[in-house]
N, C-alpha and C. Protein backbone atom coordinates (compact mmCIF):
# COMPACT_ATOMS: atom_id res chain seq x y z
N MET A 1 123.25 80.24 99.14
CA MET A 1 122.47 80.85 100.22
C MET A 1 120.98 80.65 99.96
N ALA A 2 120.31 80.00 100.88
CA ALA A 2 118.88 79.75 100.76
C ALA A 2 118.09 80.84 101.49
N THR A 3 116.84 81.04 101.06
CA THR A 3 115.96 82.01 101.69
C THR A 3 114.94 81.29 102.56
N TYR A 4 114.93 81.64 103.84
CA TYR A 4 114.01 81.07 104.81
C TYR A 4 113.04 82.15 105.28
N LEU A 5 111.76 81.85 105.32
CA LEU A 5 110.77 82.74 105.92
C LEU A 5 110.25 82.06 107.17
N VAL A 6 110.33 82.76 108.30
CA VAL A 6 109.96 82.21 109.60
C VAL A 6 108.86 83.06 110.21
N THR A 7 107.72 82.45 110.56
CA THR A 7 106.67 83.18 111.27
C THR A 7 106.88 83.03 112.78
N GLY A 8 106.29 83.93 113.54
CA GLY A 8 106.47 83.91 114.99
C GLY A 8 107.93 84.07 115.36
N ALA A 9 108.59 85.02 114.69
CA ALA A 9 110.06 85.09 114.73
C ALA A 9 110.63 85.97 115.84
N ASN A 10 109.80 86.61 116.62
CA ASN A 10 110.32 87.63 117.53
C ASN A 10 110.88 87.09 118.84
N ARG A 11 110.60 85.82 119.16
CA ARG A 11 111.13 85.27 120.42
C ARG A 11 111.13 83.74 120.35
N GLY A 12 111.69 83.13 121.39
CA GLY A 12 111.64 81.68 121.53
C GLY A 12 112.26 80.93 120.38
N ILE A 13 111.59 79.87 119.96
CA ILE A 13 112.10 79.02 118.89
C ILE A 13 112.19 79.78 117.58
N GLY A 14 111.21 80.65 117.30
CA GLY A 14 111.25 81.42 116.07
C GLY A 14 112.47 82.30 115.98
N TYR A 15 112.76 83.01 117.06
CA TYR A 15 113.96 83.85 117.10
C TYR A 15 115.22 83.00 116.93
N GLU A 16 115.24 81.85 117.59
CA GLU A 16 116.44 81.00 117.51
C GLU A 16 116.64 80.45 116.10
N TYR A 17 115.54 80.11 115.43
CA TYR A 17 115.65 79.75 114.02
C TYR A 17 116.36 80.87 113.24
N CYS A 18 115.88 82.09 113.43
CA CYS A 18 116.45 83.22 112.69
C CYS A 18 117.93 83.41 113.02
N ARG A 19 118.27 83.28 114.30
CA ARG A 19 119.65 83.48 114.72
C ARG A 19 120.58 82.45 114.11
N GLN A 20 120.18 81.19 114.18
CA GLN A 20 121.05 80.13 113.65
C GLN A 20 121.14 80.17 112.13
N LEU A 21 120.04 80.46 111.47
CA LEU A 21 120.05 80.52 110.02
C LEU A 21 120.91 81.68 109.52
N GLN A 22 120.76 82.83 110.18
CA GLN A 22 121.56 83.99 109.80
C GLN A 22 123.04 83.71 110.04
N ALA A 23 123.35 83.02 111.14
CA ALA A 23 124.74 82.74 111.48
C ALA A 23 125.39 81.79 110.47
N ARG A 24 124.60 80.92 109.87
CA ARG A 24 125.20 79.98 108.91
C ARG A 24 125.17 80.53 107.48
N GLY A 25 124.69 81.76 107.32
CA GLY A 25 124.80 82.43 106.04
C GLY A 25 123.58 82.40 105.15
N ASP A 26 122.45 81.94 105.68
CA ASP A 26 121.22 81.94 104.90
C ASP A 26 120.52 83.29 105.00
N ARG A 27 119.67 83.58 104.03
CA ARG A 27 118.86 84.78 104.07
C ARG A 27 117.61 84.48 104.89
N VAL A 28 117.26 85.39 105.79
CA VAL A 28 116.13 85.18 106.69
C VAL A 28 115.13 86.31 106.56
N ILE A 29 113.87 85.94 106.38
CA ILE A 29 112.76 86.89 106.44
C ILE A 29 111.97 86.54 107.69
N ALA A 30 112.03 87.41 108.68
CA ALA A 30 111.42 87.17 109.99
C ALA A 30 110.07 87.85 110.05
N VAL A 31 109.02 87.06 110.19
CA VAL A 31 107.65 87.57 110.18
C VAL A 31 107.06 87.49 111.59
N CYS A 32 106.41 88.56 112.02
CA CYS A 32 105.83 88.57 113.37
C CYS A 32 104.78 89.66 113.46
N ARG A 33 103.97 89.58 114.50
CA ARG A 33 103.01 90.67 114.75
C ARG A 33 103.74 91.88 115.30
N SER A 34 104.61 91.64 116.29
CA SER A 34 105.40 92.72 116.89
C SER A 34 106.85 92.27 116.95
N THR A 35 107.76 93.13 116.54
CA THR A 35 109.16 92.76 116.55
C THR A 35 109.73 92.88 117.96
N SER A 36 110.97 92.50 118.12
CA SER A 36 111.66 92.61 119.41
C SER A 36 113.03 93.20 119.18
N GLU A 37 113.61 93.74 120.22
CA GLU A 37 114.94 94.35 120.10
C GLU A 37 115.96 93.31 119.68
N ALA A 38 115.85 92.11 120.26
CA ALA A 38 116.81 91.05 119.92
C ALA A 38 116.71 90.69 118.45
N LEU A 39 115.50 90.60 117.93
CA LEU A 39 115.31 90.27 116.52
C LEU A 39 115.88 91.36 115.62
N GLN A 40 115.63 92.61 115.98
CA GLN A 40 116.13 93.73 115.18
C GLN A 40 117.65 93.73 115.11
N GLN A 41 118.28 93.28 116.17
CA GLN A 41 119.74 93.31 116.22
C GLN A 41 120.39 92.19 115.41
N LEU A 42 119.60 91.23 114.96
CA LEU A 42 120.18 90.13 114.18
C LEU A 42 120.63 90.57 112.79
N GLY A 43 120.00 91.61 112.27
CA GLY A 43 120.35 92.05 110.93
C GLY A 43 119.62 91.29 109.83
N VAL A 44 118.52 90.61 110.18
CA VAL A 44 117.72 89.91 109.18
C VAL A 44 116.61 90.83 108.70
N GLN A 45 115.93 90.44 107.62
CA GLN A 45 114.78 91.21 107.13
C GLN A 45 113.59 90.94 108.04
N VAL A 46 113.07 91.96 108.67
CA VAL A 46 111.95 91.82 109.60
C VAL A 46 110.68 92.39 108.97
N GLU A 47 109.64 91.58 108.94
CA GLU A 47 108.34 92.02 108.45
C GLU A 47 107.36 91.91 109.62
N ALA A 48 107.19 93.02 110.32
CA ALA A 48 106.32 93.06 111.49
C ALA A 48 104.91 93.49 111.09
N GLY A 49 103.97 93.33 112.01
CA GLY A 49 102.60 93.75 111.76
C GLY A 49 101.79 92.74 110.97
N ILE A 50 102.28 91.50 110.86
CA ILE A 50 101.56 90.47 110.13
C ILE A 50 100.80 89.58 111.12
N ASP A 51 99.49 89.56 110.99
CA ASP A 51 98.62 88.73 111.83
C ASP A 51 98.15 87.54 110.99
N ILE A 52 98.61 86.34 111.33
CA ILE A 52 98.31 85.17 110.50
C ILE A 52 96.86 84.72 110.60
N THR A 53 96.08 85.32 111.50
CA THR A 53 94.67 85.00 111.58
C THR A 53 93.82 85.91 110.70
N SER A 54 94.44 86.86 110.03
CA SER A 54 93.73 87.85 109.22
C SER A 54 94.03 87.67 107.74
N ASP A 55 92.99 87.47 106.94
CA ASP A 55 93.18 87.35 105.49
C ASP A 55 93.84 88.61 104.93
N ALA A 56 93.37 89.76 105.36
CA ALA A 56 93.88 91.03 104.84
C ALA A 56 95.34 91.23 105.21
N SER A 57 95.70 90.88 106.44
CA SER A 57 97.08 91.04 106.88
C SER A 57 98.01 90.10 106.12
N VAL A 58 97.62 88.85 106.00
CA VAL A 58 98.46 87.88 105.29
C VAL A 58 98.59 88.23 103.82
N ALA A 59 97.57 88.85 103.25
CA ALA A 59 97.62 89.26 101.84
C ALA A 59 98.71 90.29 101.59
N GLU A 60 99.15 90.99 102.64
CA GLU A 60 100.23 91.97 102.50
C GLU A 60 101.60 91.31 102.43
N LEU A 61 101.69 90.08 102.92
CA LEU A 61 102.99 89.42 103.04
C LEU A 61 103.70 89.21 101.69
N PRO A 62 103.00 88.72 100.67
CA PRO A 62 103.72 88.54 99.39
C PRO A 62 104.30 89.82 98.82
N LYS A 63 103.73 90.96 99.18
CA LYS A 63 104.21 92.23 98.64
C LYS A 63 105.65 92.53 99.06
N CYS A 64 106.04 92.02 100.22
CA CYS A 64 107.40 92.31 100.68
C CYS A 64 108.43 91.38 100.04
N LEU A 65 107.95 90.41 99.26
CA LEU A 65 108.86 89.45 98.65
C LEU A 65 109.21 89.78 97.21
N GLY A 66 108.40 90.63 96.58
CA GLY A 66 108.63 90.93 95.18
C GLY A 66 108.53 89.66 94.35
N ASP A 67 109.54 89.41 93.53
CA ASP A 67 109.59 88.20 92.71
C ASP A 67 110.43 87.10 93.37
N GLY A 68 110.77 87.30 94.62
CA GLY A 68 111.67 86.37 95.30
C GLY A 68 111.06 85.00 95.54
N VAL A 69 111.93 84.01 95.64
CA VAL A 69 111.54 82.63 95.91
C VAL A 69 111.86 82.28 97.36
N ILE A 70 110.96 81.57 98.00
CA ILE A 70 111.19 81.07 99.36
C ILE A 70 111.66 79.63 99.24
N ASP A 71 112.83 79.35 99.76
CA ASP A 71 113.34 77.98 99.75
C ASP A 71 112.74 77.15 100.88
N VAL A 72 112.60 77.76 102.05
CA VAL A 72 112.01 77.06 103.19
C VAL A 72 111.05 77.99 103.93
N LEU A 73 109.81 77.56 104.05
CA LEU A 73 108.77 78.32 104.76
C LEU A 73 108.52 77.63 106.09
N ILE A 74 108.86 78.30 107.18
CA ILE A 74 108.74 77.70 108.52
C ILE A 74 107.57 78.35 109.26
N HIS A 75 106.53 77.56 109.50
CA HIS A 75 105.36 78.03 110.24
C HIS A 75 105.59 77.78 111.73
N ASN A 76 106.11 78.78 112.39
CA ASN A 76 106.44 78.64 113.81
C ASN A 76 105.44 79.33 114.74
N ALA A 77 104.72 80.33 114.25
CA ALA A 77 103.80 81.07 115.12
C ALA A 77 102.76 80.15 115.73
N GLY A 78 102.54 80.29 117.02
CA GLY A 78 101.54 79.46 117.70
C GLY A 78 101.28 79.97 119.10
N ILE A 79 100.16 79.54 119.66
CA ILE A 79 99.81 79.89 121.04
C ILE A 79 99.34 78.65 121.79
N ILE A 80 99.45 78.71 123.10
CA ILE A 80 98.90 77.67 123.95
C ILE A 80 98.13 78.35 125.08
N GLN A 81 96.91 77.90 125.26
CA GLN A 81 96.07 78.37 126.37
C GLN A 81 95.48 77.14 127.05
N ARG A 82 95.54 77.12 128.36
CA ARG A 82 95.09 75.95 129.11
C ARG A 82 93.56 75.89 129.14
N VAL A 83 93.01 74.84 128.54
CA VAL A 83 91.57 74.63 128.54
C VAL A 83 91.30 73.23 129.07
N THR A 84 90.60 73.15 130.19
CA THR A 84 90.30 71.86 130.82
C THR A 84 88.83 71.53 130.67
N LEU A 85 88.47 70.31 131.00
CA LEU A 85 87.07 69.89 130.92
C LEU A 85 86.20 70.67 131.89
N ASP A 86 86.78 71.08 133.01
CA ASP A 86 86.04 71.86 134.00
C ASP A 86 85.92 73.33 133.60
N ASN A 87 86.70 73.74 132.61
CA ASN A 87 86.66 75.13 132.17
C ASN A 87 86.79 75.17 130.65
N LEU A 88 85.74 74.73 129.98
CA LEU A 88 85.76 74.67 128.52
C LEU A 88 85.48 76.05 127.94
N ASP A 89 86.55 76.76 127.67
CA ASP A 89 86.46 78.11 127.12
C ASP A 89 86.49 77.98 125.59
N PHE A 90 85.31 78.01 124.98
CA PHE A 90 85.24 77.78 123.54
C PHE A 90 85.82 78.92 122.72
N ASP A 91 85.80 80.13 123.26
CA ASP A 91 86.46 81.23 122.56
C ASP A 91 87.96 80.98 122.49
N SER A 92 88.53 80.46 123.58
CA SER A 92 89.95 80.13 123.59
C SER A 92 90.26 79.02 122.60
N ILE A 93 89.41 78.00 122.56
CA ILE A 93 89.62 76.90 121.62
C ILE A 93 89.61 77.41 120.19
N ARG A 94 88.64 78.26 119.88
CA ARG A 94 88.56 78.84 118.52
C ARG A 94 89.81 79.65 118.19
N GLU A 95 90.28 80.43 119.16
CA GLU A 95 91.46 81.26 118.91
C GLU A 95 92.68 80.38 118.63
N GLN A 96 92.81 79.29 119.37
CA GLN A 96 93.95 78.40 119.14
C GLN A 96 93.87 77.72 117.78
N PHE A 97 92.65 77.38 117.34
CA PHE A 97 92.50 76.85 115.99
C PHE A 97 92.89 77.89 114.94
N GLU A 98 92.48 79.13 115.15
CA GLU A 98 92.79 80.19 114.20
C GLU A 98 94.30 80.38 114.05
N VAL A 99 95.00 80.44 115.18
CA VAL A 99 96.45 80.68 115.14
C VAL A 99 97.23 79.44 114.75
N ASN A 100 96.93 78.32 115.41
CA ASN A 100 97.77 77.13 115.28
C ASN A 100 97.50 76.30 114.03
N ALA A 101 96.26 76.28 113.56
CA ALA A 101 95.90 75.42 112.43
C ALA A 101 95.56 76.21 111.17
N LEU A 102 94.65 77.17 111.29
CA LEU A 102 94.23 77.90 110.09
C LEU A 102 95.27 78.90 109.63
N GLY A 103 95.98 79.53 110.56
CA GLY A 103 97.00 80.51 110.21
C GLY A 103 98.06 79.96 109.26
N PRO A 104 98.68 78.83 109.58
CA PRO A 104 99.70 78.28 108.67
C PRO A 104 99.13 77.93 107.29
N LEU A 105 97.90 77.43 107.25
CA LEU A 105 97.30 77.11 105.96
C LEU A 105 97.05 78.38 105.15
N ARG A 106 96.61 79.43 105.84
CA ARG A 106 96.36 80.72 105.18
C ARG A 106 97.67 81.29 104.60
N VAL A 107 98.73 81.24 105.39
CA VAL A 107 100.02 81.77 104.94
C VAL A 107 100.57 80.94 103.78
N THR A 108 100.43 79.63 103.87
CA THR A 108 100.90 78.76 102.79
C THR A 108 100.21 79.10 101.48
N GLN A 109 98.90 79.24 101.52
CA GLN A 109 98.16 79.58 100.31
C GLN A 109 98.64 80.91 99.71
N ALA A 110 98.85 81.90 100.60
CA ALA A 110 99.26 83.22 100.12
C ALA A 110 100.65 83.20 99.48
N LEU A 111 101.52 82.32 99.99
CA LEU A 111 102.91 82.32 99.54
C LEU A 111 103.22 81.23 98.50
N LEU A 112 102.23 80.46 98.10
CA LEU A 112 102.48 79.40 97.12
C LEU A 112 103.15 79.91 95.84
N PRO A 113 102.79 81.10 95.35
CA PRO A 113 103.47 81.58 94.14
C PRO A 113 104.97 81.80 94.33
N HIS A 114 105.42 81.87 95.58
CA HIS A 114 106.84 82.11 95.86
C HIS A 114 107.58 80.82 96.18
N LEU A 115 106.89 79.69 96.11
CA LEU A 115 107.51 78.38 96.30
C LEU A 115 107.69 77.73 94.94
N GLN A 116 108.70 76.89 94.83
CA GLN A 116 109.00 76.23 93.57
C GLN A 116 109.48 74.82 93.86
N GLY A 117 109.73 74.06 92.79
CA GLY A 117 110.28 72.73 92.99
C GLY A 117 111.57 72.79 93.79
N GLY A 118 111.65 71.99 94.84
CA GLY A 118 112.81 72.03 95.73
C GLY A 118 112.57 72.83 96.99
N SER A 119 111.51 73.63 97.02
CA SER A 119 111.17 74.37 98.24
C SER A 119 110.63 73.41 99.30
N LYS A 120 110.67 73.86 100.54
CA LYS A 120 110.20 73.04 101.65
C LYS A 120 109.26 73.86 102.55
N ILE A 121 108.29 73.17 103.15
CA ILE A 121 107.38 73.78 104.11
C ILE A 121 107.52 73.03 105.43
N VAL A 122 107.64 73.78 106.50
CA VAL A 122 107.81 73.20 107.83
C VAL A 122 106.67 73.66 108.73
N LEU A 123 105.94 72.71 109.29
CA LEU A 123 104.87 73.01 110.23
C LEU A 123 105.33 72.63 111.63
N MET A 124 105.40 73.61 112.52
CA MET A 124 105.80 73.35 113.90
C MET A 124 104.55 72.93 114.68
N THR A 125 104.43 71.63 114.86
CA THR A 125 103.30 71.10 115.62
C THR A 125 103.79 70.71 117.01
N SER A 126 103.20 69.69 117.61
CA SER A 126 103.57 69.31 118.96
C SER A 126 103.23 67.84 119.20
N ARG A 127 104.00 67.22 120.04
CA ARG A 127 103.68 65.85 120.47
C ARG A 127 102.33 65.82 121.18
N MET A 128 101.91 66.96 121.71
CA MET A 128 100.59 67.03 122.35
C MET A 128 99.48 66.90 121.32
N GLY A 129 99.81 66.97 120.04
CA GLY A 129 98.85 66.74 118.99
C GLY A 129 98.84 65.30 118.49
N SER A 130 99.55 64.42 119.17
CA SER A 130 99.54 63.00 118.82
C SER A 130 98.39 62.32 119.57
N ILE A 131 97.48 61.71 118.84
CA ILE A 131 96.36 61.00 119.47
C ILE A 131 96.87 59.77 120.22
N ALA A 132 97.75 59.01 119.58
CA ALA A 132 98.26 57.79 120.20
C ALA A 132 99.09 58.07 121.44
N ASP A 133 99.72 59.25 121.49
CA ASP A 133 100.63 59.58 122.59
C ASP A 133 99.94 60.36 123.70
N ASN A 134 98.64 60.59 123.58
CA ASN A 134 97.91 61.36 124.60
C ASN A 134 97.61 60.46 125.79
N THR A 135 98.39 60.63 126.85
CA THR A 135 98.22 59.81 128.05
C THR A 135 97.74 60.61 129.25
N SER A 136 97.47 61.92 129.03
CA SER A 136 97.10 62.77 130.18
C SER A 136 95.86 63.60 129.94
N GLY A 137 95.34 63.65 128.73
CA GLY A 137 94.12 64.39 128.45
C GLY A 137 94.27 65.90 128.59
N SER A 138 93.13 66.59 128.74
CA SER A 138 93.04 68.04 128.95
C SER A 138 93.67 68.81 127.78
N SER A 139 93.95 70.09 128.01
CA SER A 139 94.55 70.98 126.98
C SER A 139 93.79 70.89 125.66
N TYR A 140 92.47 71.03 125.75
CA TYR A 140 91.62 70.75 124.59
C TYR A 140 91.93 71.62 123.37
N GLY A 141 92.00 72.90 123.55
CA GLY A 141 92.24 73.77 122.40
C GLY A 141 93.59 73.51 121.76
N TYR A 142 94.61 73.37 122.57
CA TYR A 142 95.96 73.19 122.03
C TYR A 142 96.09 71.84 121.34
N ARG A 143 95.67 70.78 122.03
CA ARG A 143 95.78 69.44 121.44
C ARG A 143 94.98 69.35 120.13
N MET A 144 93.74 69.81 120.15
CA MET A 144 92.88 69.70 118.97
C MET A 144 93.42 70.52 117.81
N SER A 145 93.92 71.71 118.09
CA SER A 145 94.44 72.56 117.01
C SER A 145 95.71 71.98 116.40
N LYS A 146 96.53 71.33 117.22
CA LYS A 146 97.76 70.75 116.69
C LYS A 146 97.49 69.47 115.89
N VAL A 147 96.46 68.71 116.29
CA VAL A 147 96.04 67.58 115.45
C VAL A 147 95.61 68.10 114.08
N ALA A 148 94.82 69.17 114.08
CA ALA A 148 94.35 69.76 112.82
C ALA A 148 95.52 70.25 111.98
N LEU A 149 96.52 70.85 112.61
CA LEU A 149 97.70 71.32 111.87
C LEU A 149 98.44 70.16 111.24
N SER A 150 98.60 69.07 111.98
CA SER A 150 99.29 67.91 111.44
C SER A 150 98.54 67.32 110.26
N MET A 151 97.20 67.29 110.35
CA MET A 151 96.41 66.79 109.22
C MET A 151 96.57 67.70 108.00
N ALA A 152 96.59 69.01 108.24
CA ALA A 152 96.83 69.94 107.14
C ALA A 152 98.19 69.67 106.49
N GLY A 153 99.18 69.42 107.33
CA GLY A 153 100.51 69.13 106.81
C GLY A 153 100.56 67.87 105.96
N LYS A 154 99.83 66.84 106.41
CA LYS A 154 99.81 65.59 105.65
C LYS A 154 99.13 65.79 104.29
N SER A 155 98.04 66.56 104.28
CA SER A 155 97.37 66.84 103.02
C SER A 155 98.24 67.69 102.10
N LEU A 156 98.91 68.69 102.68
CA LEU A 156 99.82 69.51 101.87
C LEU A 156 100.93 68.67 101.26
N ALA A 157 101.43 67.70 102.04
CA ALA A 157 102.49 66.84 101.53
C ALA A 157 102.04 66.11 100.27
N HIS A 158 100.81 65.62 100.27
CA HIS A 158 100.29 64.92 99.09
C HIS A 158 100.03 65.90 97.94
N ASP A 159 99.40 67.02 98.26
CA ASP A 159 99.00 67.97 97.21
C ASP A 159 100.19 68.65 96.55
N LEU A 160 101.27 68.86 97.31
CA LEU A 160 102.41 69.62 96.78
C LEU A 160 103.55 68.74 96.26
N LYS A 161 103.47 67.47 96.51
CA LYS A 161 104.54 66.58 96.02
C LYS A 161 104.68 66.64 94.50
N PRO A 162 103.57 66.67 93.73
CA PRO A 162 103.73 66.79 92.28
C PRO A 162 104.43 68.08 91.83
N ARG A 163 104.41 69.09 92.69
CA ARG A 163 105.09 70.35 92.37
C ARG A 163 106.55 70.34 92.83
N GLY A 164 106.96 69.25 93.49
CA GLY A 164 108.34 69.16 93.97
C GLY A 164 108.57 69.85 95.30
N ILE A 165 107.50 70.09 96.07
CA ILE A 165 107.60 70.78 97.36
C ILE A 165 107.37 69.77 98.48
N ALA A 166 108.33 69.66 99.39
CA ALA A 166 108.25 68.71 100.50
C ALA A 166 107.78 69.40 101.77
N VAL A 167 107.14 68.62 102.64
CA VAL A 167 106.55 69.14 103.87
C VAL A 167 107.02 68.33 105.07
N ALA A 168 107.46 69.01 106.11
CA ALA A 168 107.82 68.37 107.37
C ALA A 168 106.87 68.82 108.47
N ILE A 169 106.51 67.89 109.34
CA ILE A 169 105.65 68.16 110.49
C ILE A 169 106.51 67.89 111.72
N LEU A 170 106.90 68.95 112.44
CA LEU A 170 107.96 68.83 113.44
C LEU A 170 107.52 69.19 114.85
N HIS A 171 107.97 68.37 115.79
CA HIS A 171 107.81 68.65 117.22
C HIS A 171 109.17 69.09 117.77
N PRO A 172 109.24 70.25 118.43
CA PRO A 172 110.55 70.78 118.83
C PRO A 172 111.13 70.15 120.08
N GLY A 173 110.37 69.28 120.74
CA GLY A 173 110.76 68.80 122.06
C GLY A 173 110.19 69.72 123.12
N LEU A 174 110.44 69.39 124.37
CA LEU A 174 110.05 70.26 125.48
C LEU A 174 111.14 71.32 125.63
N VAL A 175 110.79 72.55 125.31
CA VAL A 175 111.80 73.61 125.17
C VAL A 175 111.58 74.70 126.21
N GLN A 176 112.66 75.25 126.70
CA GLN A 176 112.62 76.31 127.71
C GLN A 176 112.29 77.64 127.05
N THR A 177 111.00 77.88 126.86
CA THR A 177 110.53 79.14 126.29
C THR A 177 109.41 79.69 127.14
N ARG A 178 108.95 80.88 126.81
CA ARG A 178 107.85 81.48 127.55
C ARG A 178 106.60 80.63 127.47
N MET A 179 106.40 79.94 126.34
CA MET A 179 105.22 79.11 126.17
C MET A 179 105.17 77.99 127.21
N THR A 180 106.34 77.50 127.64
CA THR A 180 106.40 76.42 128.64
C THR A 180 106.79 76.94 130.02
N ASN A 181 106.69 78.27 130.19
CA ASN A 181 107.11 78.90 131.45
C ASN A 181 108.56 78.58 131.78
N PHE A 182 109.37 78.46 130.72
CA PHE A 182 110.81 78.22 130.87
C PHE A 182 111.09 77.02 131.77
N THR A 183 110.39 75.94 131.52
CA THR A 183 110.50 74.74 132.33
C THR A 183 111.95 74.26 132.47
N SER A 184 112.30 73.88 133.66
CA SER A 184 113.66 73.38 133.91
C SER A 184 113.84 71.96 133.37
N SER A 185 112.73 71.32 132.99
CA SER A 185 112.80 69.97 132.45
C SER A 185 113.11 69.94 130.96
N GLY A 186 113.10 71.12 130.32
CA GLY A 186 113.24 71.17 128.88
C GLY A 186 114.66 71.40 128.40
N ILE A 187 114.80 71.36 127.09
CA ILE A 187 116.07 71.69 126.44
C ILE A 187 116.05 73.17 126.06
N THR A 188 117.19 73.69 125.70
CA THR A 188 117.27 75.09 125.33
C THR A 188 116.77 75.29 123.89
N PRO A 189 116.32 76.49 123.55
CA PRO A 189 115.97 76.74 122.15
C PRO A 189 117.11 76.43 121.20
N LYS A 190 118.34 76.70 121.61
CA LYS A 190 119.49 76.42 120.76
C LYS A 190 119.57 74.94 120.42
N GLU A 191 119.42 74.09 121.44
CA GLU A 191 119.48 72.65 121.22
C GLU A 191 118.33 72.19 120.33
N SER A 192 117.15 72.71 120.60
CA SER A 192 115.98 72.33 119.82
C SER A 192 116.15 72.67 118.35
N VAL A 193 116.53 73.90 118.06
CA VAL A 193 116.64 74.34 116.68
C VAL A 193 117.77 73.63 115.94
N GLN A 194 118.82 73.28 116.64
CA GLN A 194 119.87 72.49 115.99
C GLN A 194 119.30 71.19 115.45
N GLY A 195 118.48 70.52 116.26
CA GLY A 195 117.85 69.29 115.80
C GLY A 195 116.83 69.54 114.70
N LEU A 196 116.04 70.59 114.84
CA LEU A 196 115.03 70.91 113.84
C LEU A 196 115.65 71.20 112.48
N LEU A 197 116.75 71.94 112.47
CA LEU A 197 117.40 72.26 111.21
C LEU A 197 117.99 71.01 110.55
N THR A 198 118.42 70.07 111.36
CA THR A 198 118.89 68.80 110.80
C THR A 198 117.75 68.08 110.10
N ARG A 199 116.57 68.07 110.74
CA ARG A 199 115.39 67.44 110.12
C ARG A 199 115.03 68.15 108.81
N ILE A 200 115.07 69.47 108.82
CA ILE A 200 114.73 70.23 107.62
C ILE A 200 115.73 69.97 106.51
N ASP A 201 117.00 69.96 106.85
CA ASP A 201 118.04 69.72 105.85
C ASP A 201 117.88 68.32 105.23
N GLN A 202 117.36 67.37 106.02
CA GLN A 202 117.22 65.99 105.54
C GLN A 202 115.86 65.73 104.89
N LEU A 203 115.00 66.73 104.85
CA LEU A 203 113.67 66.58 104.26
C LEU A 203 113.78 66.44 102.74
N THR A 204 113.09 65.43 102.19
CA THR A 204 113.06 65.20 100.75
C THR A 204 111.64 64.84 100.33
N LEU A 205 111.42 64.69 99.06
CA LEU A 205 110.12 64.24 98.58
C LEU A 205 109.84 62.79 98.98
N GLU A 206 110.89 62.04 99.28
CA GLU A 206 110.72 60.65 99.69
C GLU A 206 110.17 60.55 101.12
N ASN A 207 110.54 61.48 101.99
CA ASN A 207 110.05 61.41 103.38
C ASN A 207 109.07 62.54 103.70
N THR A 208 108.55 63.21 102.68
CA THR A 208 107.59 64.28 102.90
C THR A 208 106.37 63.79 103.68
N GLY A 209 105.85 64.66 104.54
CA GLY A 209 104.66 64.32 105.31
C GLY A 209 104.94 63.56 106.59
N THR A 210 106.20 63.42 106.97
CA THR A 210 106.56 62.69 108.18
C THR A 210 106.43 63.59 109.41
N PHE A 211 105.99 62.99 110.52
CA PHE A 211 105.83 63.66 111.82
C PHE A 211 107.05 63.29 112.67
N TRP A 212 107.97 64.25 112.80
CA TRP A 212 109.23 64.00 113.49
C TRP A 212 109.35 64.76 114.80
N HIS A 213 110.03 64.16 115.74
CA HIS A 213 110.61 64.86 116.89
C HIS A 213 111.89 65.52 116.41
N ALA A 214 112.27 66.62 117.03
CA ALA A 214 113.52 67.29 116.66
C ALA A 214 114.72 66.38 116.74
N ASN A 215 114.66 65.36 117.60
CA ASN A 215 115.79 64.43 117.77
C ASN A 215 115.83 63.36 116.70
N GLY A 216 114.88 63.38 115.76
CA GLY A 216 114.88 62.40 114.67
C GLY A 216 113.91 61.27 114.83
N GLU A 217 113.30 61.14 116.01
CA GLU A 217 112.32 60.08 116.24
C GLU A 217 111.05 60.36 115.41
N VAL A 218 110.54 59.33 114.75
CA VAL A 218 109.27 59.47 114.05
C VAL A 218 108.16 59.25 115.07
N LEU A 219 107.26 60.22 115.17
CA LEU A 219 106.24 60.19 116.21
C LEU A 219 104.94 59.57 115.70
N PRO A 220 104.17 58.98 116.61
CA PRO A 220 102.89 58.37 116.21
C PRO A 220 101.83 59.44 116.01
N TRP A 221 100.89 59.17 115.13
CA TRP A 221 99.80 60.09 114.89
C TRP A 221 98.79 60.01 116.04
């Protein structure tokens, strides 16, 4: 039984990660700012009240782990706010950087003592953070913050490889969640997480730092 810590666990992809992991017999630590009834009913360990943009809040997170080891750290928490060239809301852009890029790095640093050789780190980024794949522009805060997150993941992959810790940079696909207004063009969270868990299970030190689609496609930077 492996121990997984999932941020942004109260709904959407984060909740589905927790549900599928718990169902297959893994130990789950679900981290979120506010819990949900559905998450509480899963029977996993819930650590609510954690704000990944706050140094003080994140500093509380290791206390709930004791001497425990995290086998897989999944950085799922994220936000998207529409920022166009005609409406450049710099406060929104900063907020998206804080949540999407700096938050995962902050949490990783805080939890490094709980990672060991063989542990894995998963950064949930987006195809919208691919420079080569940007064919429509706009979405400045979201795109820029996800590029930054992917770069952080690539650096972590290099820095942590000597410690035996592998890093995956994952795009979940277009998923029917609140973040996408439950788009009818997307796949279900269940389908997405099934693919994501396959990528995580196949993550090794040999392929650390790879930018994958949930379906296994290697995405361009």
